[in-house]
Amino acid sequence: NQALYTWGLPLINWLESPHAFWIVMLLYLWKNTGYSVV
């Protein structure tokens, strides 16, 4: 949001919008991919 504000774009409430699903999905992949790799 700080980057969006700097570029003059509207701020987004990421964690209170449908974007939250994809944020959680990204977190799940980042956290658990390494275990499956091993």
PDB file of all heavy atoms in Angstrom:
ATOM      1  N   ASN A   1       0.823  -1.216   0.000  1.00  0.00           N
ATOM      2  CA  ASN A   1       0.000   0.000   0.000  1.00  0.00           C
ATOM      3  C   ASN A   1       0.853   1.260   0.000  1.00  0.00           C
ATOM      4  O   ASN A   1       0.464   2.288  -0.583  1.00  0.00           O
ATOM      5  CB  ASN A   1      -0.938   0.002   1.208  1.00  0.00           C
ATOM      6  CG  ASN A   1      -2.231  -0.737   0.912  1.00  0.00           C
ATOM      7  OD1 ASN A   1      -2.558  -1.010  -0.233  1.00  0.00           O
ATOM      8  ND2 ASN A   1      -2.978  -1.071   1.955  1.00  0.00           N
ATOM      9  N   GLN A   2       2.013   1.195   0.642  1.00  0.00           N
ATOM     10  CA  GLN A   2       2.925   2.341   0.583  1.00  0.00           C
ATOM     11  C   GLN A   2       3.409   2.569  -0.840  1.00  0.00           C
ATOM     12  O   GLN A   2       3.522   3.712  -1.292  1.00  0.00           O
ATOM     13  CB  GLN A   2       4.106   2.107   1.523  1.00  0.00           C
ATOM     14  CG  GLN A   2       3.742   2.152   3.004  1.00  0.00           C
ATOM     15  CD  GLN A   2       4.945   1.934   3.884  1.00  0.00           C
ATOM     16  OE1 GLN A   2       6.087   2.008   3.442  1.00  0.00           O
ATOM     17  NE2 GLN A   2       4.703   1.672   5.170  1.00  0.00           N
ATOM     18  N   ALA A   3       3.665   1.469  -1.563  1.00  0.00           N
ATOM     19  CA  ALA A   3       4.076   1.593  -2.966  1.00  0.00           C
ATOM     20  C   ALA A   3       2.931   2.150  -3.815  1.00  0.00           C
ATOM     21  O   ALA A   3       3.151   3.020  -4.681  1.00  0.00           O
ATOM     22  CB  ALA A   3       4.516   0.231  -3.497  1.00  0.00           C
ATOM     23  N   LEU A   4       1.701   1.666  -3.571  1.00  0.00           N
ATOM     24  CA  LEU A   4       0.547   2.186  -4.314  1.00  0.00           C
ATOM     25  C   LEU A   4       0.336   3.670  -4.042  1.00  0.00           C
ATOM     26  O   LEU A   4       0.010   4.451  -4.952  1.00  0.00           O
ATOM     27  CB  LEU A   4      -0.713   1.396  -3.941  1.00  0.00           C
ATOM     28  CG  LEU A   4      -0.762  -0.073  -4.364  1.00  0.00           C
ATOM     29  CD1 LEU A   4      -2.030  -0.732  -3.847  1.00  0.00           C
ATOM     30  CD2 LEU A   4      -0.687  -0.202  -5.883  1.00  0.00           C
ATOM     31  N   TYR A   5       0.522   4.078  -2.792  1.00  0.00           N
ATOM     32  CA  TYR A   5       0.368   5.492  -2.427  1.00  0.00           C
ATOM     33  C   TYR A   5       1.432   6.344  -3.124  1.00  0.00           C
ATOM     34  O   TYR A   5       1.153   7.449  -3.605  1.00  0.00           O
ATOM     35  CB  TYR A   5       0.469   5.633  -0.914  1.00  0.00           C
ATOM     36  CG  TYR A   5       0.364   7.053  -0.429  1.00  0.00           C
ATOM     37  CD1 TYR A   5      -0.871   7.692  -0.338  1.00  0.00           C
ATOM     38  CD2 TYR A   5       1.519   7.770  -0.074  1.00  0.00           C
ATOM     39  CE1 TYR A   5      -0.964   9.014   0.098  1.00  0.00           C
ATOM     40  CE2 TYR A   5       1.435   9.078   0.361  1.00  0.00           C
ATOM     41  CZ  TYR A   5       0.194   9.695   0.444  1.00  0.00           C
ATOM     42  OH  TYR A   5       0.109  11.003   0.875  1.00  0.00           O
ATOM     43  N   THR A   6       2.646   5.813  -3.196  1.00  0.00           N
ATOM     44  CA  THR A   6       3.740   6.547  -3.850  1.00  0.00           C
ATOM     45  C   THR A   6       3.451   6.741  -5.328  1.00  0.00           C
ATOM     46  O   THR A   6       3.759   7.794  -5.906  1.00  0.00           O
ATOM     47  CB  THR A   6       5.060   5.783  -3.667  1.00  0.00           C
ATOM     48  OG1 THR A   6       5.321   5.614  -2.277  1.00  0.00           O
ATOM     49  CG2 THR A   6       6.214   6.535  -4.322  1.00  0.00           C
ATOM     50  N   TRP A   7       2.832   5.725  -5.963  1.00  0.00           N
ATOM     51  CA  TRP A   7       2.543   5.809  -7.396  1.00  0.00           C
ATOM     52  C   TRP A   7       1.211   6.518  -7.682  1.00  0.00           C
ATOM     53  O   TRP A   7       0.806   6.615  -8.842  1.00  0.00           O
ATOM     54  CB  TRP A   7       2.505   4.405  -8.001  1.00  0.00           C
ATOM     55  CG  TRP A   7       3.831   3.695  -7.903  1.00  0.00           C
ATOM     56  CD1 TRP A   7       5.063   4.272  -7.884  1.00  0.00           C
ATOM     57  CD2 TRP A   7       4.037   2.292  -7.802  1.00  0.00           C
ATOM     58  NE1 TRP A   7       6.043   3.327  -7.777  1.00  0.00           N
ATOM     59  CE2 TRP A   7       5.446   2.083  -7.724  1.00  0.00           C
ATOM     60  CE3 TRP A   7       3.211   1.182  -7.761  1.00  0.00           C
ATOM     61  CZ2 TRP A   7       6.012   0.826  -7.616  1.00  0.00           C
ATOM     62  CZ3 TRP A   7       3.783  -0.079  -7.652  1.00  0.00           C
ATOM     63  CH2 TRP A   7       5.157  -0.250  -7.577  1.00  0.00           C
ATOM     64  N   GLY A   8       0.540   6.980  -6.646  1.00  0.00           N
ATOM     65  CA  GLY A   8      -0.719   7.684  -6.837  1.00  0.00           C
ATOM     66  C   GLY A   8      -1.890   6.785  -7.141  1.00  0.00           C
ATOM     67  O   GLY A   8      -2.903   7.250  -7.693  1.00  0.00           O
ATOM     68  N   LEU A   9      -1.802   5.514  -6.778  1.00  0.00           N
ATOM     69  CA  LEU A   9      -2.882   4.558  -7.039  1.00  0.00           C
ATOM     70  C   LEU A   9      -3.733   4.369  -5.788  1.00  0.00           C
ATOM     71  O   LEU A   9      -3.271   4.599  -4.667  1.00  0.00           O
ATOM     72  CB  LEU A   9      -2.286   3.205  -7.466  1.00  0.00           C
ATOM     73  CG  LEU A   9      -1.451   3.222  -8.756  1.00  0.00           C
ATOM     74  CD1 LEU A   9      -0.819   1.864  -9.010  1.00  0.00           C
ATOM     75  CD2 LEU A   9      -2.324   3.628  -9.955  1.00  0.00           C
ATOM     76  N   PRO A  10      -4.989   3.950  -5.938  1.00  0.00           N
ATOM     77  CA  PRO A  10      -5.859   3.748  -4.757  1.00  0.00           C
ATOM     78  C   PRO A  10      -5.349   2.603  -3.888  1.00  0.00           C
ATOM     79  O   PRO A  10      -4.865   1.587  -4.399  1.00  0.00           O
ATOM     80  CB  PRO A  10      -7.231   3.429  -5.372  1.00  0.00           C
ATOM     81  CG  PRO A  10      -6.926   2.951  -6.764  1.00  0.00           C
ATOM     82  CD  PRO A  10      -5.705   3.701  -7.205  1.00  0.00           C
ATOM     83  N   LEU A  11      -5.495   2.776  -2.582  1.00  0.00           N
ATOM     84  CA  LEU A  11      -5.047   1.753  -1.639  1.00  0.00           C
ATOM     85  C   LEU A  11      -6.037   0.589  -1.619  1.00  0.00           C
ATOM     86  O   LEU A  11      -7.224   0.749  -1.895  1.00  0.00           O
ATOM     87  CB  LEU A  11      -4.903   2.347  -0.244  1.00  0.00           C
ATOM     88  CG  LEU A  11      -3.955   3.552  -0.110  1.00  0.00           C
ATOM     89  CD1 LEU A  11      -3.869   3.986   1.354  1.00  0.00           C
ATOM     90  CD2 LEU A  11      -2.581   3.227  -0.661  1.00  0.00           C
ATOM     91  N   ILE A  12      -5.527  -0.591  -1.282  1.00  0.00           N
ATOM     92  CA  ILE A  12      -6.338  -1.815  -1.249  1.00  0.00           C
ATOM     93  C   ILE A  12      -6.235  -2.439   0.134  1.00  0.00           C
ATOM     94  O   ILE A  12      -5.131  -2.582   0.679  1.00  0.00           O
ATOM     95  CB  ILE A  12      -5.867  -2.832  -2.319  1.00  0.00           C
ATOM     96  CG1 ILE A  12      -5.965  -2.220  -3.718  1.00  0.00           C
ATOM     97  CG2 ILE A  12      -6.688  -4.115  -2.239  1.00  0.00           C
ATOM     98  CD1 ILE A  12      -5.405  -3.107  -4.808  1.00  0.00           C
ATOM     99  N   ASN A  13      -7.364  -2.783   0.688  1.00  0.00           N
ATOM    100  CA  ASN A  13      -7.381  -3.504   1.969  1.00  0.00           C
ATOM    101  C   ASN A  13      -7.218  -4.999   1.665  1.00  0.00           C
ATOM    102  O   ASN A  13      -8.174  -5.761   1.618  1.00  0.00           O
ATOM    103  CB  ASN A  13      -8.692  -3.240   2.714  1.00  0.00           C
ATOM    104  CG  ASN A  13      -8.623  -3.699   4.157  1.00  0.00           C
ATOM    105  OD1 ASN A  13      -7.630  -4.288   4.593  1.00  0.00           O
ATOM    106  ND2 ASN A  13      -9.676  -3.453   4.916  1.00  0.00           N
ATOM    107  N   TRP A  14      -5.962  -5.412   1.463  1.00  0.00           N
ATOM    108  CA  TRP A  14      -5.649  -6.734   0.947  1.00  0.00           C
ATOM    109  C   TRP A  14      -6.242  -7.861   1.783  1.00  0.00           C
ATOM    110  O   TRP A  14      -6.789  -8.826   1.240  1.00  0.00           O
ATOM    111  CB  TRP A  14      -4.135  -6.917   0.863  1.00  0.00           C
ATOM    112  CG  TRP A  14      -3.454  -5.966  -0.054  1.00  0.00           C
ATOM    113  CD1 TRP A  14      -2.857  -4.785   0.281  1.00  0.00           C
ATOM    114  CD2 TRP A  14      -3.302  -6.086  -1.474  1.00  0.00           C
ATOM    115  NE1 TRP A  14      -2.348  -4.165  -0.833  1.00  0.00           N
ATOM    116  CE2 TRP A  14      -2.595  -4.945  -1.920  1.00  0.00           C
ATOM    117  CE3 TRP A  14      -3.685  -7.048  -2.409  1.00  0.00           C
ATOM    118  CZ2 TRP A  14      -2.280  -4.748  -3.247  1.00  0.00           C
ATOM    119  CZ3 TRP A  14      -3.362  -6.859  -3.736  1.00  0.00           C
ATOM    120  CH2 TRP A  14      -2.665  -5.715  -4.144  1.00  0.00           C
ATOM    121  N   LEU A  15      -6.117  -7.782   3.095  1.00  0.00           N
ATOM    122  CA  LEU A  15      -6.510  -8.879   3.982  1.00  0.00           C
ATOM    123  C   LEU A  15      -8.003  -8.879   4.296  1.00  0.00           C
ATOM    124  O   LEU A  15      -8.486  -9.799   4.966  1.00  0.00           O
ATOM    125  CB  LEU A  15      -5.705  -8.809   5.280  1.00  0.00           C
ATOM    126  CG  LEU A  15      -4.179  -8.902   5.104  1.00  0.00           C
ATOM    127  CD1 LEU A  15      -3.481  -8.806   6.440  1.00  0.00           C
ATOM    128  CD2 LEU A  15      -3.803 -10.196   4.386  1.00  0.00           C
ATOM    129  N   GLU A  16      -8.743  -7.876   3.844  1.00  0.00           N
ATOM    130  CA  GLU A  16     -10.187  -7.827   4.065  1.00  0.00           C
ATOM    131  C   GLU A  16     -10.937  -7.795   2.740  1.00  0.00           C
ATOM    132  O   GLU A  16     -12.030  -7.245   2.647  1.00  0.00           O
ATOM    133  CB  GLU A  16     -10.559  -6.601   4.908  1.00  0.00           C
ATOM    134  CG  GLU A  16     -10.025  -6.624   6.318  1.00  0.00           C
ATOM    135  CD  GLU A  16     -10.648  -7.733   7.157  1.00  0.00           C
ATOM    136  OE1 GLU A  16     -11.777  -8.151   6.819  1.00  0.00           O
ATOM    137  OE2 GLU A  16     -10.017  -8.191   8.127  1.00  0.00           O
ATOM    138  N   SER A  17     -10.345  -8.392   1.732  1.00  0.00           N
ATOM    139  CA  SER A  17     -10.944  -8.428   0.403  1.00  0.00           C
ATOM    140  C   SER A  17     -10.744  -9.825  -0.183  1.00  0.00           C
ATOM    141  O   SER A  17     -10.050 -10.655   0.407  1.00  0.00           O
ATOM    142  CB  SER A  17     -10.270  -7.372  -0.495  1.00  0.00           C
ATOM    143  OG  SER A  17      -8.921  -7.742  -0.749  1.00  0.00           O
ATOM    144  N   PRO A  18     -11.342 -10.123  -1.345  1.00  0.00           N
ATOM    145  CA  PRO A  18     -11.125 -11.432  -1.978  1.00  0.00           C
ATOM    146  C   PRO A  18      -9.657 -11.728  -2.280  1.00  0.00           C
ATOM    147  O   PRO A  18      -9.296 -12.894  -2.494  1.00  0.00           O
ATOM    148  CB  PRO A  18     -11.950 -11.339  -3.269  1.00  0.00           C
ATOM    149  CG  PRO A  18     -13.038 -10.374  -2.937  1.00  0.00           C
ATOM    150  CD  PRO A  18     -12.407  -9.359  -2.030  1.00  0.00           C
ATOM    151  N   HIS A  19      -8.816 -10.686  -2.300  1.00  0.00           N
ATOM    152  CA  HIS A  19      -7.380 -10.929  -2.497  1.00  0.00           C
ATOM    153  C   HIS A  19      -6.797 -11.771  -1.366  1.00  0.00           C
ATOM    154  O   HIS A  19      -5.737 -12.399  -1.539  1.00  0.00           O
ATOM    155  CB  HIS A  19      -6.620  -9.599  -2.559  1.00  0.00           C
ATOM    156  CG  HIS A  19      -7.021  -8.721  -3.697  1.00  0.00           C
ATOM    157  ND1 HIS A  19      -6.734  -9.024  -5.012  1.00  0.00           N
ATOM    158  CD2 HIS A  19      -7.692  -7.541  -3.721  1.00  0.00           C
ATOM    159  CE1 HIS A  19      -7.199  -8.067  -5.798  1.00  0.00           C
ATOM    160  NE2 HIS A  19      -7.787  -7.162  -5.042  1.00  0.00           N
ATOM    161  N   ALA A  20      -7.459 -11.797  -0.212  1.00  0.00           N
ATOM    162  CA  ALA A  20      -6.938 -12.532   0.937  1.00  0.00           C
ATOM    163  C   ALA A  20      -6.779 -14.022   0.624  1.00  0.00           C
ATOM    164  O   ALA A  20      -5.854 -14.666   1.129  1.00  0.00           O
ATOM    165  CB  ALA A  20      -7.863 -12.346   2.148  1.00  0.00           C
ATOM    166  N   PHE A  21      -7.679 -14.568  -0.209  1.00  0.00           N
ATOM    167  CA  PHE A  21      -7.575 -15.997  -0.556  1.00  0.00           C
ATOM    168  C   PHE A  21      -6.259 -16.296  -1.243  1.00  0.00           C
ATOM    169  O   PHE A  21      -5.572 -17.277  -0.925  1.00  0.00           O
ATOM    170  CB  PHE A  21      -8.746 -16.392  -1.463  1.00  0.00           C
ATOM    171  CG  PHE A  21      -8.694 -17.831  -1.912  1.00  0.00           C
ATOM    172  CD1 PHE A  21      -9.215 -18.835  -1.101  1.00  0.00           C
ATOM    173  CD2 PHE A  21      -8.123 -18.174  -3.125  1.00  0.00           C
ATOM    174  CE1 PHE A  21      -9.155 -20.163  -1.516  1.00  0.00           C
ATOM    175  CE2 PHE A  21      -8.067 -19.492  -3.539  1.00  0.00           C
ATOM    176  CZ  PHE A  21      -8.592 -20.490  -2.737  1.00  0.00           C
ATOM    177  N   TRP A  22      -5.869 -15.447  -2.193  1.00  0.00           N
ATOM    178  CA  TRP A  22      -4.643 -15.698  -2.945  1.00  0.00           C
ATOM    179  C   TRP A  22      -3.408 -15.382  -2.109  1.00  0.00           C
ATOM    180  O   TRP A  22      -2.349 -15.988  -2.307  1.00  0.00           O
ATOM    181  CB  TRP A  22      -4.657 -14.890  -4.235  1.00  0.00           C
ATOM    182  CG  TRP A  22      -5.804 -15.277  -5.094  1.00  0.00           C
ATOM    183  CD1 TRP A  22      -6.944 -14.567  -5.334  1.00  0.00           C
ATOM    184  CD2 TRP A  22      -5.952 -16.508  -5.809  1.00  0.00           C
ATOM    185  NE1 TRP A  22      -7.790 -15.271  -6.153  1.00  0.00           N
ATOM    186  CE2 TRP A  22      -7.208 -16.466  -6.467  1.00  0.00           C
ATOM    187  CE3 TRP A  22      -5.148 -17.633  -5.969  1.00  0.00           C
ATOM    188  CZ2 TRP A  22      -7.664 -17.509  -7.258  1.00  0.00           C
ATOM    189  CZ3 TRP A  22      -5.599 -18.680  -6.754  1.00  0.00           C
ATOM    190  CH2 TRP A  22      -6.845 -18.614  -7.393  1.00  0.00           C
ATOM    191  N   ILE A  23      -3.538 -14.471  -1.161  1.00  0.00           N
ATOM    192  CA  ILE A  23      -2.425 -14.211  -0.238  1.00  0.00           C
ATOM    193  C   ILE A  23      -2.177 -15.433   0.633  1.00  0.00           C
ATOM    194  O   ILE A  23      -1.031 -15.871   0.835  1.00  0.00           O
ATOM    195  CB  ILE A  23      -2.726 -12.975   0.629  1.00  0.00           C
ATOM    196  CG1 ILE A  23      -2.767 -11.720  -0.239  1.00  0.00           C
ATOM    197  CG2 ILE A  23      -1.686 -12.821   1.739  1.00  0.00           C
ATOM    198  CD1 ILE A  23      -3.229 -10.476   0.492  1.00  0.00           C
ATOM    199  N   VAL A  24      -3.257 -16.021   1.151  1.00  0.00           N
ATOM    200  CA  VAL A  24      -3.129 -17.235   1.961  1.00  0.00           C
ATOM    201  C   VAL A  24      -2.605 -18.392   1.118  1.00  0.00           C
ATOM    202  O   VAL A  24      -1.795 -19.201   1.585  1.00  0.00           O
ATOM    203  CB  VAL A  24      -4.490 -17.590   2.597  1.00  0.00           C
ATOM    204  CG1 VAL A  24      -4.418 -18.939   3.290  1.00  0.00           C
ATOM    205  CG2 VAL A  24      -4.915 -16.517   3.587  1.00  0.00           C
ATOM    206  N   MET A  25      -3.043 -18.483  -0.124  1.00  0.00           N
ATOM    207  CA  MET A  25      -2.543 -19.530  -1.021  1.00  0.00           C
ATOM    208  C   MET A  25      -1.048 -19.375  -1.256  1.00  0.00           C
ATOM    209  O   MET A  25      -0.283 -20.354  -1.233  1.00  0.00           O
ATOM    210  CB  MET A  25      -3.296 -19.475  -2.357  1.00  0.00           C
ATOM    211  CG  MET A  25      -2.835 -20.499  -3.385  1.00  0.00           C
ATOM    212  SD  MET A  25      -3.113 -22.196  -2.851  1.00  0.00           S
ATOM    213  CE  MET A  25      -4.909 -22.223  -2.831  1.00  0.00           C
ATOM    214  N   LEU A  26      -0.605 -18.146  -1.492  1.00  0.00           N
ATOM    215  CA  LEU A  26       0.821 -17.882  -1.677  1.00  0.00           C
ATOM    216  C   LEU A  26       1.608 -18.246  -0.423  1.00  0.00           C
ATOM    217  O   LEU A  26       2.698 -18.827  -0.500  1.00  0.00           O
ATOM    218  CB  LEU A  26       1.020 -16.411  -2.026  1.00  0.00           C
ATOM    219  CG  LEU A  26       2.457 -15.948  -2.294  1.00  0.00           C
ATOM    220  CD1 LEU A  26       3.021 -16.658  -3.519  1.00  0.00           C
ATOM    221  CD2 LEU A  26       2.518 -14.441  -2.481  1.00  0.00           C
ATOM    222  N   LEU A  27       1.045 -17.931   0.739  1.00  0.00           N
ATOM    223  CA  LEU A  27       1.687 -18.272   2.010  1.00  0.00           C
ATOM    224  C   LEU A  27       1.799 -19.782   2.170  1.00  0.00           C
ATOM    225  O   LEU A  27       2.844 -20.299   2.598  1.00  0.00           O
ATOM    226  CB  LEU A  27       0.880 -17.672   3.161  1.00  0.00           C
ATOM    227  CG  LEU A  27       1.312 -18.054   4.582  1.00  0.00           C
ATOM    228  CD1 LEU A  27       2.726 -17.563   4.861  1.00  0.00           C
ATOM    229  CD2 LEU A  27       0.335 -17.490   5.602  1.00  0.00           C
ATOM    230  N   TYR A  28       0.738 -20.501   1.815  1.00  0.00           N
ATOM    231  CA  TYR A  28       0.742 -21.967   1.909  1.00  0.00           C
ATOM    232  C   TYR A  28       1.808 -22.576   1.006  1.00  0.00           C
ATOM    233  O   TYR A  28       2.548 -23.482   1.418  1.00  0.00           O
ATOM    234  CB  TYR A  28      -0.646 -22.488   1.540  1.00  0.00           C
ATOM    235  CG  TYR A  28      -0.708 -23.971   1.280  1.00  0.00           C
ATOM    236  CD1 TYR A  28      -0.540 -24.890   2.313  1.00  0.00           C
ATOM    237  CD2 TYR A  28      -0.945 -24.452  -0.004  1.00  0.00           C
ATOM    238  CE1 TYR A  28      -0.604 -26.253   2.069  1.00  0.00           C
ATOM    239  CE2 TYR A  28      -1.018 -25.811  -0.254  1.00  0.00           C
ATOM    240  CZ  TYR A  28      -0.842 -26.702   0.782  1.00  0.00           C
ATOM    241  OH  TYR A  28      -0.905 -28.059   0.525  1.00  0.00           O
ATOM    242  N   LEU A  29       1.900 -22.086  -0.229  1.00  0.00           N
ATOM    243  CA  LEU A  29       2.899 -22.611  -1.163  1.00  0.00           C
ATOM    244  C   LEU A  29       4.315 -22.311  -0.680  1.00  0.00           C
ATOM    245  O   LEU A  29       5.198 -23.174  -0.725  1.00  0.00           O
ATOM    246  CB  LEU A  29       2.675 -22.016  -2.554  1.00  0.00           C
ATOM    247  CG  LEU A  29       1.371 -22.403  -3.255  1.00  0.00           C
ATOM    248  CD1 LEU A  29       1.222 -21.628  -4.555  1.00  0.00           C
ATOM    249  CD2 LEU A  29       1.327 -23.893  -3.511  1.00  0.00           C
ATOM    250  N   TRP A  30       4.530 -21.085  -0.224  1.00  0.00           N
ATOM    251  CA  TRP A  30       5.866 -20.696   0.248  1.00  0.00           C
ATOM    252  C   TRP A  30       6.284 -21.519   1.456  1.00  0.00           C
ATOM    253  O   TRP A  30       7.447 -21.929   1.572  1.00  0.00           O
ATOM    254  CB  TRP A  30       5.859 -19.212   0.586  1.00  0.00           C
ATOM    255  CG  TRP A  30       7.112 -18.745   1.263  1.00  0.00           C
ATOM    256  CD1 TRP A  30       8.335 -18.507   0.663  1.00  0.00           C
ATOM    257  CD2 TRP A  30       7.288 -18.472   2.656  1.00  0.00           C
ATOM    258  NE1 TRP A  30       9.242 -18.102   1.613  1.00  0.00           N
ATOM    259  CE2 TRP A  30       8.635 -18.074   2.840  1.00  0.00           C
ATOM    260  CE3 TRP A  30       6.446 -18.519   3.758  1.00  0.00           C
ATOM    261  CZ2 TRP A  30       9.141 -17.733   4.088  1.00  0.00           C
ATOM    262  CZ3 TRP A  30       6.945 -18.170   4.999  1.00  0.00           C
ATOM    263  CH2 TRP A  30       8.287 -17.790   5.162  1.00  0.00           C
ATOM    264  N   LYS A  31       5.357 -21.802   2.335  1.00  0.00           N
ATOM    265  CA  LYS A  31       5.680 -22.454   3.597  1.00  0.00           C
ATOM    266  C   LYS A  31       5.866 -23.966   3.447  1.00  0.00           C
ATOM    267  O   LYS A  31       6.661 -24.574   4.174  1.00  0.00           O
ATOM    268  CB  LYS A  31       4.586 -22.155   4.628  1.00  0.00           C
ATOM    269  CG  LYS A  31       4.940 -22.568   6.059  1.00  0.00           C
ATOM    270  CD  LYS A  31       3.880 -22.091   7.015  1.00  0.00           C
ATOM    271  CE  LYS A  31       4.180 -22.537   8.442  1.00  0.00           C
ATOM    272  NZ  LYS A  31       5.403 -21.930   8.977  1.00  0.00           N
ATOM    273  N   ASN A  32       5.160 -24.595   2.506  1.00  0.00           N
ATOM    274  CA  ASN A  32       5.113 -26.059   2.474  1.00  0.00           C
ATOM    275  C   ASN A  32       5.744 -26.703   1.246  1.00  0.00           C
ATOM    276  O   ASN A  32       5.900 -27.925   1.223  1.00  0.00           O
ATOM    277  CB  ASN A  32       3.653 -26.525   2.571  1.00  0.00           C
ATOM    278  CG  ASN A  32       3.011 -26.134   3.885  1.00  0.00           C
ATOM    279  OD1 ASN A  32       3.284 -26.718   4.924  1.00  0.00           O
ATOM    280  ND2 ASN A  32       2.136 -25.127   3.838  1.00  0.00           N
ATOM    281  N   THR A  33       6.101 -25.914   0.242  1.00  0.00           N
ATOM    282  CA  THR A  33       6.695 -26.518  -0.953  1.00  0.00           C
ATOM    283  C   THR A  33       8.005 -27.219  -0.625  1.00  0.00           C
ATOM    284  O   THR A  33       8.287 -28.313  -1.135  1.00  0.00           O
ATOM    285  CB  THR A  33       6.926 -25.447  -2.031  1.00  0.00           C
ATOM    286  OG1 THR A  33       5.666 -24.894  -2.427  1.00  0.00           O
ATOM    287  CG2 THR A  33       7.612 -26.041  -3.252  1.00  0.00           C
ATOM    288  N   GLY A  34       8.820 -26.620   0.224  1.00  0.00           N
ATOM    289  CA  GLY A  34      10.116 -27.205   0.550  1.00  0.00           C
ATOM    290  C   GLY A  34      10.016 -28.588   1.152  1.00  0.00           C
ATOM    291  O   GLY A  34      10.845 -29.468   0.869  1.00  0.00           O
ATOM    292  N   TYR A  35       9.003 -28.828   1.975  1.00  0.00           N
ATOM    293  CA  TYR A  35       8.828 -30.141   2.585  1.00  0.00           C
ATOM    294  C   TYR A  35       8.527 -31.196   1.522  1.00  0.00           C
ATOM    295  O   TYR A  35       9.076 -32.311   1.560  1.00  0.00           O
ATOM    296  CB  TYR A  35       7.701 -30.078   3.612  1.00  0.00           C
ATOM    297  CG  TYR A  35       7.567 -31.312   4.462  1.00  0.00           C
ATOM    298  CD1 TYR A  35       8.464 -31.562   5.500  1.00  0.00           C
ATOM    299  CD2 TYR A  35       6.557 -32.235   4.243  1.00  0.00           C
ATOM    300  CE1 TYR A  35       8.350 -32.686   6.289  1.00  0.00           C
ATOM    301  CE2 TYR A  35       6.439 -33.364   5.029  1.00  0.00           C
ATOM    302  CZ  TYR A  35       7.330 -33.590   6.050  1.00  0.00           C
ATOM    303  OH  TYR A  35       7.213 -34.713   6.814  1.00  0.00           O
ATOM    304  N   SER A  36       7.672 -30.845   0.562  1.00  0.00           N
ATOM    305  CA  SER A  36       7.372 -31.773  -0.530  1.00  0.00           C
ATOM    306  C   SER A  36       8.586 -31.995  -1.415  1.00  0.00           C
ATOM    307  O   SER A  36       8.790 -33.099  -1.937  1.00  0.00           O
ATOM    308  CB  SER A  36       6.207 -31.232  -1.367  1.00  0.00           C
ATOM    309  OG  SER A  36       5.024 -31.146  -0.599  1.00  0.00           O
ATOM    310  N   VAL A  37       9.408 -30.972  -1.571  1.00  0.00           N
ATOM    311  CA  VAL A  37      10.637 -31.114  -2.359  1.00  0.00           C
ATOM    312  C   VAL A  37      11.538 -32.181  -1.749  1.00  0.00           C
ATOM    313  O   VAL A  37      12.084 -33.043  -2.455  1.00  0.00           O
ATOM    314  CB  VAL A  37      11.385 -29.766  -2.453  1.00  0.00           C
ATOM    315  CG1 VAL A  37      12.799 -29.971  -3.000  1.00  0.00           C
ATOM    316  CG2 VAL A  37      10.634 -28.797  -3.340  1.00  0.00           C
ATOM    317  N   VAL A  38      11.696 -32.160  -0.432  1.00  0.00           N
ATOM    318  CA  VAL A  38      12.554 -33.136   0.241  1.00  0.00           C
ATOM    319  C   VAL A  38      12.008 -34.552   0.066  1.00  0.00           C
ATOM    320  O   VAL A  38      12.755 -35.502  -0.201  1.00  0.00           O
ATOM    321  CB  VAL A  38      12.689 -32.777   1.731  1.00  0.00           C
ATOM    322  CG1 VAL A  38      13.440 -33.867   2.488  1.00  0.00           C
ATOM    323  CG2 VAL A  38      13.405 -31.448   1.894  1.00  0.00           C
TER     324      VAL A  38
END
